[in-house]
PDB file of N, CA and C in Angstrom:
ATOM      1  N   MET A   1      43.691  31.113 -35.791  1.00  0.00           N
ATOM      2  CA  MET A   1      44.560  30.014 -36.147  1.00  0.00           C
ATOM      3  C   MET A   1      44.730  29.990 -37.660  1.00  0.00           C
ATOM      4  N   LYS A   2      45.965  29.931 -38.099  1.00  0.00           N
ATOM      5  CA  LYS A   2      46.237  29.885 -39.536  1.00  0.00           C
ATOM      6  C   LYS A   2      46.064  28.473 -40.056  1.00  0.00           C
ATOM      7  N   ARG A   3      45.736  28.379 -41.338  1.00  0.00           N
ATOM      8  CA  ARG A   3      45.671  27.075 -41.992  1.00  0.00           C
ATOM      9  C   ARG A   3      47.096  26.602 -42.199  1.00  0.00           C
ATOM     10  N   ARG A   4      47.349  25.361 -41.817  1.00  0.00           N
ATOM     11  CA  ARG A   4      48.685  24.823 -41.995  1.00  0.00           C
ATOM     12  C   ARG A   4      48.593  23.474 -42.665  1.00  0.00           C
ATOM     13  N   LYS A   5      49.355  23.311 -43.708  1.00  0.00           N
ATOM     14  CA  LYS A   5      49.419  22.046 -44.416  1.00  0.00           C
ATOM     15  C   LYS A   5      50.375  21.137 -43.671  1.00  0.00           C
ATOM     16  N   GLY A   6      49.921  19.915 -43.408  1.00  0.00           N
ATOM     17  CA  GLY A   6      50.743  18.973 -42.688  1.00  0.00           C
ATOM     18  C   GLY A   6      51.505  18.065 -43.627  1.00  0.00           C
ATOM     19  N   PRO A   7      52.293  17.147 -43.064  1.00  0.00           N
ATOM     20  CA  PRO A   7      53.030  16.208 -43.897  1.00  0.00           C
ATOM     21  C   PRO A   7      52.066  15.288 -44.631  1.00  0.00           C
ATOM     22  N   SER A   8      52.456  14.826 -45.777  1.00  0.00           N
ATOM     23  CA  SER A   8      51.653  13.899 -46.582  1.00  0.00           C
ATOM     24  C   SER A   8      50.296  14.471 -46.961  1.00  0.00           C
ATOM     25  N   GLY A   9      50.170  15.771 -46.943  1.00  0.00           N
ATOM     26  CA  GLY A   9      48.976  16.394 -47.485  1.00  0.00           C
ATOM     27  C   GLY A   9      47.751  16.439 -46.591  1.00  0.00           C
ATOM     28  N   PHE A  10      47.868  16.489 -45.283  1.00  0.00           N
ATOM     29  CA  PHE A  10      46.680  16.699 -44.461  1.00  0.00           C
ATOM     30  C   PHE A  10      46.588  18.170 -44.113  1.00  0.00           C
ATOM     31  N   GLU A  11      45.383  18.592 -43.816  1.00  0.00           N
ATOM     32  CA  GLU A  11      45.181  19.964 -43.368  1.00  0.00           C
ATOM     33  C   GLU A  11      44.179  19.946 -42.228  1.00  0.00           C
ATOM     34  N   PHE A  12      44.522  20.623 -41.149  1.00  0.00           N
ATOM     35  CA  PHE A  12      43.639  20.802 -40.002  1.00  0.00           C
ATOM     36  C   PHE A  12      43.418  22.294 -39.891  1.00  0.00           C
ATOM     37  N   ALA A  13      42.207  22.744 -40.207  1.00  0.00           N
ATOM     38  CA  ALA A  13      41.966  24.180 -40.306  1.00  0.00           C
ATOM     39  C   ALA A  13      40.682  24.575 -39.596  1.00  0.00           C
ATOM     40  N   PRO A  14      40.637  25.782 -39.059  1.00  0.00           N
ATOM     41  CA  PRO A  14      39.392  26.275 -38.451  1.00  0.00           C
ATOM     42  C   PRO A  14      38.324  26.459 -39.518  1.00  0.00           C
ATOM     43  N   ALA A  15      37.088  26.244 -39.121  1.00  0.00           N
ATOM     44  CA  ALA A  15      35.946  26.457 -40.017  1.00  0.00           C
ATOM     45  C   ALA A  15      35.352  27.826 -39.702  1.00  0.00           C
ATOM     46  N   GLU A  16      34.098  28.024 -40.086  1.00  0.00           N
ATOM     47  CA  GLU A  16      33.463  29.330 -39.944  1.00  0.00           C
ATOM     48  C   GLU A  16      33.281  29.780 -38.491  1.00  0.00           C
ATOM     49  N   ALA A  17      32.786  28.915 -37.650  1.00  0.00           N
ATOM     50  CA  ALA A  17      32.458  29.280 -36.265  1.00  0.00           C
ATOM     51  C   ALA A  17      33.567  28.849 -35.304  1.00  0.00           C
ATOM     52  N   ALA A  18      33.622  29.507 -34.180  1.00  0.00           N
ATOM     53  CA  ALA A  18      34.595  29.150 -33.148  1.00  0.00           C
ATOM     54  C   ALA A  18      34.376  27.713 -32.700  1.00  0.00           C
ATOM     55  N   GLY A  19      35.447  26.984 -32.543  1.00  0.00           N
ATOM     56  CA  GLY A  19      35.361  25.601 -32.092  1.00  0.00           C
ATOM     57  C   GLY A  19      35.085  24.610 -33.198  1.00  0.00           C
ATOM     58  N   GLU A  20      34.917  25.083 -34.437  1.00  0.00           N
ATOM     59  CA  GLU A  20      34.673  24.188 -35.573  1.00  0.00           C
ATOM     60  C   GLU A  20      35.928  24.087 -36.425  1.00  0.00           C
ATOM     61  N   PHE A  21      36.234  22.858 -36.840  1.00  0.00           N
ATOM     62  CA  PHE A  21      37.435  22.595 -37.608  1.00  0.00           C
ATOM     63  C   PHE A  21      37.127  21.660 -38.774  1.00  0.00           C
ATOM     64  N   ARG A  22      38.007  21.695 -39.778  1.00  0.00           N
ATOM     65  CA  ARG A  22      37.933  20.783 -40.916  1.00  0.00           C
ATOM     66  C   ARG A  22      39.247  20.023 -40.997  1.00  0.00           C
ATOM     67  N   LEU A  23      39.123  18.723 -41.153  1.00  0.00           N
ATOM     68  CA  LEU A  23      40.289  17.875 -41.354  1.00  0.00           C
ATOM     69  C   LEU A  23      40.188  17.319 -42.757  1.00  0.00           C
ATOM     70  N   SER A  24      41.220  17.532 -43.561  1.00  0.00           N
ATOM     71  CA  SER A  24      41.175  17.040 -44.932  1.00  0.00           C
ATOM     72  C   SER A  24      42.510  16.410 -45.303  1.00  0.00           C
ATOM     73  N   GLY A  25      42.471  15.605 -46.349  1.00  0.00           N
ATOM     74  CA  GLY A  25      43.667  14.917 -46.820  1.00  0.00           C
ATOM     75  C   GLY A  25      43.763  13.522 -46.248  1.00  0.00           C
ATOM     76  N   VAL A  26      44.966  13.152 -45.829  1.00  0.00           N
ATOM     77  CA  VAL A  26      45.264  11.791 -45.385  1.00  0.00           C
ATOM     78  C   VAL A  26      45.382  11.737 -43.860  1.00  0.00           C
ATOM     79  N   LEU A  27      44.662  10.794 -43.254  1.00  0.00           N
ATOM     80  CA  LEU A  27      44.739  10.550 -41.816  1.00  0.00           C
ATOM     81  C   LEU A  27      45.201   9.106 -41.653  1.00  0.00           C
ATOM     82  N   SER A  28      46.512   8.927 -41.551  1.00  0.00           N
ATOM     83  CA  SER A  28      47.093   7.582 -41.593  1.00  0.00           C
ATOM     84  C   SER A  28      48.275   7.473 -40.634  1.00  0.00           C
ATOM     85  N   PHE A  29      48.946   6.322 -40.695  1.00  0.00           N
ATOM     86  CA  PHE A  29      50.128   6.113 -39.856  1.00  0.00           C
ATOM     87  C   PHE A  29      51.152   7.228 -40.055  1.00  0.00           C
ATOM     88  N   ASP A  30      51.280   7.724 -41.272  1.00  0.00           N
ATOM     89  CA  ASP A  30      52.265   8.758 -41.569  1.00  0.00           C
ATOM     90  C   ASP A  30      51.899  10.122 -41.000  1.00  0.00           C
ATOM     91  N   THR A  31      50.627  10.392 -40.821  1.00  0.00           N
ATOM     92  CA  THR A  31      50.192  11.726 -40.395  1.00  0.00           C
ATOM     93  C   THR A  31      49.572  11.762 -39.004  1.00  0.00           C
ATOM     94  N   ALA A  32      49.280  10.618 -38.417  1.00  0.00           N
ATOM     95  CA  ALA A  32      48.517  10.562 -37.157  1.00  0.00           C
ATOM     96  C   ALA A  32      49.127  11.407 -36.039  1.00  0.00           C
ATOM     97  N   ALA A  33      50.412  11.305 -35.820  1.00  0.00           N
ATOM     98  CA  ALA A  33      51.038  12.047 -34.718  1.00  0.00           C
ATOM     99  C   ALA A  33      50.901  13.557 -34.914  1.00  0.00           C
ATOM    100  N   SER A  34      51.098  14.027 -36.140  1.00  0.00           N
ATOM    101  CA  SER A  34      50.975  15.460 -36.415  1.00  0.00           C
ATOM    102  C   SER A  34      49.538  15.939 -36.291  1.00  0.00           C
ATOM    103  N   VAL A  35      48.599  15.132 -36.790  1.00  0.00           N
ATOM    104  CA  VAL A  35      47.180  15.500 -36.693  1.00  0.00           C
ATOM    105  C   VAL A  35      46.766  15.562 -35.226  1.00  0.00           C
ATOM    106  N   LEU A  36      47.164  14.568 -34.450  1.00  0.00           N
ATOM    107  CA  LEU A  36      46.828  14.535 -33.027  1.00  0.00           C
ATOM    108  C   LEU A  36      47.348  15.784 -32.315  1.00  0.00           C
ATOM    109  N   LYS A  37      48.588  16.130 -32.577  1.00  0.00           N
ATOM    110  CA  LYS A  37      49.209  17.302 -31.942  1.00  0.00           C
ATOM    111  C   LYS A  37      48.475  18.590 -32.331  1.00  0.00           C
ATOM    112  N   ARG A  38      48.144  18.748 -33.604  1.00  0.00           N
ATOM    113  CA  ARG A  38      47.448  19.959 -34.050  1.00  0.00           C
ATOM    114  C   ARG A  38      46.062  20.057 -33.426  1.00  0.00           C
ATOM    115  N   GLY A  39      45.357  18.934 -33.391  1.00  0.00           N
ATOM    116  CA  GLY A  39      44.028  18.937 -32.784  1.00  0.00           C
ATOM    117  C   GLY A  39      44.074  19.264 -31.313  1.00  0.00           C
ATOM    118  N   ASP A  40      45.000  18.645 -30.597  1.00  0.00           N
ATOM    119  CA  ASP A  40      45.133  18.927 -29.160  1.00  0.00           C
ATOM    120  C   ASP A  40      45.348  20.411 -28.916  1.00  0.00           C
ATOM    121  N   ALA A  41      46.225  21.017 -29.706  1.00  0.00           N
ATOM    122  CA  ALA A  41      46.502  22.450 -29.542  1.00  0.00           C
ATOM    123  C   ALA A  41      45.275  23.292 -29.883  1.00  0.00           C
ATOM    124  N   ALA A  42      44.564  22.905 -30.926  1.00  0.00           N
ATOM    125  CA  ALA A  42      43.395  23.675 -31.368  1.00  0.00           C
ATOM    126  C   ALA A  42      42.238  23.564 -30.379  1.00  0.00           C
ATOM    127  N   PHE A  43      42.070  22.411 -29.760  1.00  0.00           N
ATOM    128  CA  PHE A  43      40.942  22.178 -28.859  1.00  0.00           C
ATOM    129  C   PHE A  43      41.155  22.781 -27.477  1.00  0.00           C
ATOM    130  N   ALA A  44      42.377  23.096 -27.131  1.00  0.00           N
ATOM    131  CA  ALA A  44      42.701  23.568 -25.783  1.00  0.00           C
ATOM    132  C   ALA A  44      41.850  24.771 -25.391  1.00  0.00           C
ATOM    133  N   GLY A  45      41.251  24.678 -24.223  1.00  0.00           N
ATOM    134  CA  GLY A  45      40.488  25.789 -23.672  1.00  0.00           C
ATOM    135  C   GLY A  45      39.055  25.911 -24.165  1.00  0.00           C
ATOM    136  N   ALA A  46      38.652  25.125 -25.133  1.00  0.00           N
ATOM    137  CA  ALA A  46      37.274  25.205 -25.652  1.00  0.00           C
ATOM    138  C   ALA A  46      36.401  24.173 -24.948  1.00  0.00           C
ATOM    139  N   SER A  47      35.146  24.519 -24.723  1.00  0.00           N
ATOM    140  CA  SER A  47      34.231  23.574 -24.075  1.00  0.00           C
ATOM    141  C   SER A  47      33.508  22.707 -25.097  1.00  0.00           C
ATOM    142  N   MET A  48      33.519  23.120 -26.357  1.00  0.00           N
ATOM    143  CA  MET A  48      32.847  22.373 -27.423  1.00  0.00           C
ATOM    144  C   MET A  48      33.665  22.482 -28.696  1.00  0.00           C
ATOM    145  N   ASN A  49      33.877  21.357 -29.349  1.00  0.00           N
ATOM    146  CA  ASN A  49      34.572  21.336 -30.635  1.00  0.00           C
ATOM    147  C   ASN A  49      33.818  20.438 -31.588  1.00  0.00           C
ATOM    148  N   SER A  50      33.861  20.804 -32.856  1.00  0.00           N
ATOM    149  CA  SER A  50      33.250  20.022 -33.921  1.00  0.00           C
ATOM    150  C   SER A  50      34.288  19.861 -35.021  1.00  0.00           C
ATOM    151  N   VAL A  51      34.436  18.629 -35.526  1.00  0.00           N
ATOM    152  CA  VAL A  51      35.417  18.358 -36.568  1.00  0.00           C
ATOM    153  C   VAL A  51      34.707  17.761 -37.773  1.00  0.00           C
ATOM    154  N   ASP A  52      34.783  18.467 -38.897  1.00  0.00           N
ATOM    155  CA  ASP A  52      34.218  18.006 -40.165  1.00  0.00           C
ATOM    156  C   ASP A  52      35.266  17.143 -40.864  1.00  0.00           C
ATOM    157  N   LEU A  53      34.905  15.897 -41.126  1.00  0.00           N
ATOM    158  CA  LEU A  53      35.842  14.945 -41.724  1.00  0.00           C
ATOM    159  C   LEU A  53      35.555  14.695 -43.196  1.00  0.00           C
ATOM    160  N   SER A  54      34.689  15.493 -43.798  1.00  0.00           N
ATOM    161  CA  SER A  54      34.274  15.257 -45.184  1.00  0.00           C
ATOM    162  C   SER A  54      35.418  15.402 -46.184  1.00  0.00           C
ATOM    163  N   GLY A  55      36.490  16.086 -45.814  1.00  0.00           N
ATOM    164  CA  GLY A  55      37.609  16.286 -46.728  1.00  0.00           C
ATOM    165  C   GLY A  55      38.677  15.206 -46.680  1.00  0.00           C
ATOM    166  N   LEU A  56      38.483  14.186 -45.846  1.00  0.00           N
ATOM    167  CA  LEU A  56      39.487  13.117 -45.784  1.00  0.00           C
ATOM    168  C   LEU A  56      39.481  12.315 -47.087  1.00  0.00           C
ATOM    169  N   THR A  57      40.669  12.084 -47.616  1.00  0.00           N
ATOM    170  CA  THR A  57      40.802  11.289 -48.837  1.00  0.00           C
ATOM    171  C   THR A  57      41.246   9.867 -48.539  1.00  0.00           C
ATOM    172  N   HIS A  58      41.832   9.659 -47.373  1.00  0.00           N
ATOM    173  CA  HIS A  58      42.257   8.323 -46.948  1.00  0.00           C
ATOM    174  C   HIS A  58      42.364   8.316 -45.431  1.00  0.00           C
ATOM    175  N   ALA A  59      41.962   7.207 -44.827  1.00  0.00           N
ATOM    176  CA  ALA A  59      42.103   7.030 -43.382  1.00  0.00           C
ATOM    177  C   ALA A  59      42.350   5.559 -43.096  1.00  0.00           C
ATOM    178  N   ASP A  60      43.134   5.289 -42.059  1.00  0.00           N
ATOM    179  CA  ASP A  60      43.397   3.915 -41.661  1.00  0.00           C
ATOM    180  C   ASP A  60      43.203   3.789 -40.146  1.00  0.00           C
ATOM    181  N   SER A  61      43.640   2.669 -39.586  1.00  0.00           N
ATOM    182  CA  SER A  61      43.418   2.437 -38.159  1.00  0.00           C
ATOM    183  C   SER A  61      44.152   3.451 -37.281  1.00  0.00           C
ATOM    184  N   ALA A  62      45.264   3.975 -37.736  1.00  0.00           N
ATOM    185  CA  ALA A  62      45.954   5.018 -36.964  1.00  0.00           C
ATOM    186  C   ALA A  62      45.115   6.287 -36.937  1.00  0.00           C
ATOM    187  N   GLY A  63      44.441   6.578 -38.038  1.00  0.00           N
ATOM    188  CA  GLY A  63      43.532   7.721 -38.077  1.00  0.00           C
ATOM    189  C   GLY A  63      42.379   7.541 -37.121  1.00  0.00           C
ATOM    190  N   LEU A  64      41.833   6.338 -37.084  1.00  0.00           N
ATOM    191  CA  LEU A  64      40.761   6.036 -36.136  1.00  0.00           C
ATOM    192  C   LEU A  64      41.256   6.225 -34.706  1.00  0.00           C
ATOM    193  N   SER A  65      42.469   5.817 -34.458  1.00  0.00           N
ATOM    194  CA  SER A  65      43.055   5.980 -33.125  1.00  0.00           C
ATOM    195  C   SER A  65      43.122   7.454 -32.715  1.00  0.00           C
ATOM    196  N   VAL A  66      43.436   8.333 -33.656  1.00  0.00           N
ATOM    197  CA  VAL A  66      43.469   9.772 -33.368  1.00  0.00           C
ATOM    198  C   VAL A  66      42.081  10.234 -32.929  1.00  0.00           C
ATOM    199  N   LEU A  67      41.056   9.859 -33.680  1.00  0.00           N
ATOM    200  CA  LEU A  67      39.692  10.280 -33.346  1.00  0.00           C
ATOM    201  C   LEU A  67      39.263   9.752 -31.982  1.00  0.00           C
ATOM    202  N   LEU A  68      39.597   8.508 -31.686  1.00  0.00           N
ATOM    203  CA  LEU A  68      39.237   7.922 -30.396  1.00  0.00           C
ATOM    204  C   LEU A  68      40.017   8.576 -29.252  1.00  0.00           C
ATOM    205  N   THR A  69      41.260   8.941 -29.499  1.00  0.00           N
ATOM    206  CA  THR A  69      42.056   9.642 -28.488  1.00  0.00           C
ATOM    207  C   THR A  69      41.427  10.988 -28.167  1.00  0.00           C
ATOM    208  N   TRP A  70      40.990  11.710 -29.209  1.00  0.00           N
ATOM    209  CA  TRP A  70      40.321  12.998 -28.963  1.00  0.00           C
ATOM    210  C   TRP A  70      39.036  12.810 -28.171  1.00  0.00           C
ATOM    211  N   VAL A  71      38.285  11.729 -28.446  1.00  0.00           N
ATOM    212  CA  VAL A  71      37.059  11.449 -27.687  1.00  0.00           C
ATOM    213  C   VAL A  71      37.405  11.255 -26.213  1.00  0.00           C
ATOM    214  N   GLU A  72      38.410  10.448 -25.942  1.00  0.00           N
ATOM    215  CA  GLU A  72      38.805  10.179 -24.555  1.00  0.00           C
ATOM    216  C   GLU A  72      39.287  11.447 -23.857  1.00  0.00           C
ATOM    217  N   ARG A  73      40.063  12.247 -24.533  1.00  0.00           N
ATOM    218  CA  ARG A  73      40.572  13.487 -23.918  1.00  0.00           C
ATOM    219  C   ARG A  73      39.437  14.489 -23.676  1.00  0.00           C
ATOM    220  N   ALA A  74      38.487  14.537 -24.576  1.00  0.00           N
ATOM    221  CA  ALA A  74      37.336  15.428 -24.380  1.00  0.00           C
ATOM    222  C   ALA A  74      36.551  14.991 -23.147  1.00  0.00           C
ATOM    223  N   ARG A  75      36.319  13.692 -23.019  1.00  0.00           N
ATOM    224  CA  ARG A  75      35.626  13.171 -21.834  1.00  0.00           C
ATOM    225  C   ARG A  75      36.380  13.503 -20.561  1.00  0.00           C
ATOM    226  N   ARG A  76      37.659  13.234 -20.597  1.00  0.00           N
ATOM    227  CA  ARG A  76      38.514  13.481 -19.423  1.00  0.00           C
ATOM    228  C   ARG A  76      38.459  14.943 -18.992  1.00  0.00           C
ATOM    229  N   ASP A  77      38.433  15.845 -19.982  1.00  0.00           N
ATOM    230  CA  ASP A  77      38.466  17.281 -19.703  1.00  0.00           C
ATOM    231  C   ASP A  77      37.080  17.901 -19.559  1.00  0.00           C
ATOM    232  N   GLY A  78      36.023  17.092 -19.684  1.00  0.00           N
ATOM    233  CA  GLY A  78      34.667  17.605 -19.544  1.00  0.00           C
ATOM    234  C   GLY A  78      34.226  18.481 -20.705  1.00  0.00           C
ATOM    235  N   ARG A  79      34.746  18.182 -21.905  1.00  0.00           N
ATOM    236  CA  ARG A  79      34.375  18.944 -23.097  1.00  0.00           C
ATOM    237  C   ARG A  79      33.435  18.144 -23.985  1.00  0.00           C
ATOM    238  N   LEU A  80      32.742  18.843 -24.872  1.00  0.00           N
ATOM    239  CA  LEU A  80      31.927  18.207 -25.896  1.00  0.00           C
ATOM    240  C   LEU A  80      32.734  18.115 -27.184  1.00  0.00           C
ATOM    241  N   LEU A  81      32.563  17.020 -27.900  1.00  0.00           N
ATOM    242  CA  LEU A  81      33.251  16.814 -29.164  1.00  0.00           C
ATOM    243  C   LEU A  81      32.285  16.156 -30.128  1.00  0.00           C
ATOM    244  N   LYS A  82      32.235  16.662 -31.334  1.00  0.00           N
ATOM    245  CA  LYS A  82      31.328  16.114 -32.342  1.00  0.00           C
ATOM    246  C   LYS A  82      32.087  15.944 -33.648  1.00  0.00           C
ATOM    247  N   TYR A  83      31.904  14.782 -34.276  1.00  0.00           N
ATOM    248  CA  TYR A  83      32.454  14.536 -35.607  1.00  0.00           C
ATOM    249  C   TYR A  83      31.314  14.584 -36.609  1.00  0.00           C
ATOM    250  N   THR A  84      31.557  15.235 -37.730  1.00  0.00           N
ATOM    251  CA  THR A  84      30.561  15.238 -38.800  1.00  0.00           C
ATOM    252  C   THR A  84      31.183  14.645 -40.054  1.00  0.00           C
ATOM    253  N   ALA A  85      30.335  14.067 -40.868  1.00  0.00           N
ATOM    254  CA  ALA A  85      30.730  13.501 -42.167  1.00  0.00           C
ATOM    255  C   ALA A  85      31.840  12.459 -42.029  1.00  0.00           C
ATOM    256  N   LEU A  86      31.645  11.505 -41.123  1.00  0.00           N
ATOM    257  CA  LEU A  86      32.623  10.422 -40.980  1.00  0.00           C
ATOM    258  C   LEU A  86      32.679   9.633 -42.280  1.00  0.00           C
ATOM    259  N   PRO A  87      33.848   9.469 -42.872  1.00  0.00           N
ATOM    260  CA  PRO A  87      33.963   8.710 -44.122  1.00  0.00           C
ATOM    261  C   PRO A  87      33.617   7.234 -43.917  1.00  0.00           C
ATOM    262  N   ALA A  88      33.057   6.633 -44.941  1.00  0.00           N
ATOM    263  CA  ALA A  88      32.666   5.219 -44.886  1.00  0.00           C
ATOM    264  C   ALA A  88      33.853   4.333 -44.521  1.00  0.00           C
ATOM    265  N   GLN A  89      35.030   4.674 -45.032  1.00  0.00           N
ATOM    266  CA  GLN A  89      36.241   3.900 -44.754  1.00  0.00           C
ATOM    267  C   GLN A  89      36.536   3.856 -43.245  1.00  0.00           C
ATOM    268  N   LEU A  90      36.396   4.979 -42.570  1.00  0.00           N
ATOM    269  CA  LEU A  90      36.629   5.020 -41.121  1.00  0.00           C
ATOM    270  C   LEU A  90      35.544   4.266 -40.366  1.00  0.00           C
ATOM    271  N   LEU A  91      34.310   4.393 -40.818  1.00  0.00           N
ATOM    272  CA  LEU A  91      33.215   3.668 -40.165  1.00  0.00           C
ATOM    273  C   LEU A  91      33.396   2.161 -40.283  1.00  0.00           C
ATOM    274  N   LYS A  92      33.870   1.691 -41.422  1.00  0.00           N
ATOM    275  CA  LYS A  92      34.113   0.254 -41.594  1.00  0.00           C
ATOM    276  C   LYS A  92      35.173  -0.233 -40.613  1.00  0.00           C
ATOM    277  N   ILE A  93      36.256   0.517 -40.491  1.00  0.00           N
ATOM    278  CA  ILE A  93      37.318   0.129 -39.558  1.00  0.00           C
ATOM    279  C   ILE A  93      36.778   0.150 -38.125  1.00  0.00           C
ATOM    280  N   ALA A  94      36.008   1.159 -37.787  1.00  0.00           N
ATOM    281  CA  ALA A  94      35.436   1.258 -36.437  1.00  0.00           C
ATOM    282  C   ALA A  94      34.512   0.084 -36.148  1.00  0.00           C
ATOM    283  N   ARG A  95      33.708  -0.310 -37.133  1.00  0.00           N
ATOM    284  CA  ARG A  95      32.819  -1.480 -36.946  1.00  0.00           C
ATOM    285  C   ARG A  95      33.635  -2.747 -36.739  1.00  0.00           C
ATOM    286  N   LEU A  96      34.664  -2.946 -37.562  1.00  0.00           N
ATOM    287  CA  LEU A  96      35.508  -4.139 -37.431  1.00  0.00           C
ATOM    288  C   LEU A  96      36.188  -4.207 -36.068  1.00  0.00           C
ATOM    289  N   CYS A  97      36.520  -3.061 -35.525  1.00  0.00           N
ATOM    290  CA  CYS A  97      37.189  -2.991 -34.220  1.00  0.00           C
ATOM    291  C   CYS A  97      36.195  -2.885 -33.061  1.00  0.00           C
ATOM    292  N   ALA A  98      34.903  -2.867 -33.388  1.00  0.00           N
ATOM    293  CA  ALA A  98      33.833  -2.771 -32.386  1.00  0.00           C
ATOM    294  C   ALA A  98      33.941  -1.503 -31.536  1.00  0.00           C
ATOM    295  N   VAL A  99      34.304  -0.389 -32.175  1.00  0.00           N
ATOM    296  CA  VAL A  99      34.403   0.887 -31.465  1.00  0.00           C
ATOM    297  C   VAL A  99      33.530   1.971 -32.096  1.00  0.00           C
ATOM    298  N   GLU A 100      32.652   1.582 -32.991  1.00  0.00           N
ATOM    299  CA  GLU A 100      31.790   2.555 -33.655  1.00  0.00           C
ATOM    300  C   GLU A 100      30.982   3.370 -32.648  1.00  0.00           C
ATOM    301  N   SER A 101      30.533   2.722 -31.589  1.00  0.00           N
ATOM    302  CA  SER A 101      29.736   3.428 -30.580  1.00  0.00           C
ATOM    303  C   SER A 101      30.544   4.510 -29.871  1.00  0.00           C
ATOM    304  N   LEU A 102      31.856   4.338 -29.775  1.00  0.00           N
ATOM    305  CA  LEU A 102      32.692   5.364 -29.140  1.00  0.00           C
ATOM    306  C   LEU A 102      32.743   6.634 -29.983  1.00  0.00           C
ATOM    307  N   LEU A 103      32.730   6.483 -31.305  1.00  0.00           N
ATOM    308  CA  LEU A 103      32.700   7.659 -32.178  1.00  0.00           C
ATOM    309  C   LEU A 103      31.362   8.370 -32.055  1.00  0.00           C
ATOM    310  N   ALA A 104      30.281   7.592 -31.991  1.00  0.00           N
ATOM    311  CA  ALA A 104      28.952   8.176 -31.834  1.00  0.00           C
ATOM    312  C   ALA A 104      28.832   8.860 -30.478  1.00  0.00           C
ATOM    313  N   ALA A 105      29.479   8.285 -29.475  1.00  0.00           N
ATOM    314  CA  ALA A 105      29.420   8.847 -28.128  1.00  0.00           C
ATOM    315  C   ALA A 105      30.113  10.190 -28.046  1.00  0.00           C
ATOM    316  N   ALA A 106      30.939  10.508 -29.038  1.00  0.00           N
ATOM    317  CA  ALA A 106      31.619  11.801 -29.041  1.00  0.00           C
ATOM    318  C   ALA A 106      30.608  12.941 -29.058  1.00  0.00           C
ATOM    319  N   GLU A 107      29.403  12.675 -29.574  1.00  0.00           N
ATOM    320  CA  GLU A 107      28.385  13.709 -29.657  1.00  0.00           C
ATOM    321  C   GLU A 107      27.635  13.885 -28.348  1.00  0.00           C
ATOM    322  N   ALA A 108      27.736  12.913 -27.476  1.00  0.00           N
ATOM    323  CA  ALA A 108      27.034  12.993 -26.194  1.00  0.00           C
ATOM    324  C   ALA A 108      27.841  13.823 -25.204  1.00  0.00           C
ATOM    325  N   ALA A 109      27.159  14.349 -24.225  1.00  0.00           N
ATOM    326  CA  ALA A 109      27.853  15.124 -23.196  1.00  0.00           C
ATOM    327  C   ALA A 109      28.808  14.222 -22.437  1.00  0.00           C
ATOM    328  N   PRO A 110      30.033  14.659 -22.262  1.00  0.00           N
ATOM    329  CA  PRO A 110      31.017  13.846 -21.558  1.00  0.00           C
ATOM    330  C   PRO A 110      30.723  13.770 -20.065  1.00  0.00           C
ATOM    331  N   ALA A 111      31.149  12.680 -19.461  1.00  0.00           N
ATOM    332  CA  ALA A 111      30.992  12.539 -18.020  1.00  0.00           C
ATOM    333  C   ALA A 111      32.141  13.238 -17.327  1.00  0.00           C
ATOM    334  N   ARG A 112      31.846  13.955 -16.290  1.00  0.00           N
ATOM    335  CA  ARG A 112      32.890  14.608 -15.500  1.00  0.00           C
ATOM    336  C   ARG A 112      33.224  13.723 -14.313  1.00  0.00           C
ATOM    337  N   PRO A 113      34.492  13.629 -13.961  1.00  0.00           N
ATOM    338  CA  PRO A 113      34.880  12.791 -12.813  1.00  0.00           C
ATOM    339  C   PRO A 113      34.393  13.353 -11.507  1.00  0.00           C
TER     340      PRO A 113
END
């Protein structure tokens, strides 16, 4: 997978190992749809994915929605998903929305139907 720069300066790129990715730049209302689409395509067919969020420079509630959508889709598909280096800004929004545990649950094995 090639590194591709998204609108408003986000980048979703593969990391060193298979199934590992880095998300950097802005994860907001302006970029959420593109980030979601890129992640969905990148995660397809993998049983385990890890997303490093240490490169995010800004995130808002739409960004949180992207992460929660990936958690739900991973569960639905019986995949593992792990987030690393969650920015404090995203954690604050997750706490305010009472969904912080859903982000943490991304590291747990998903339930299969």
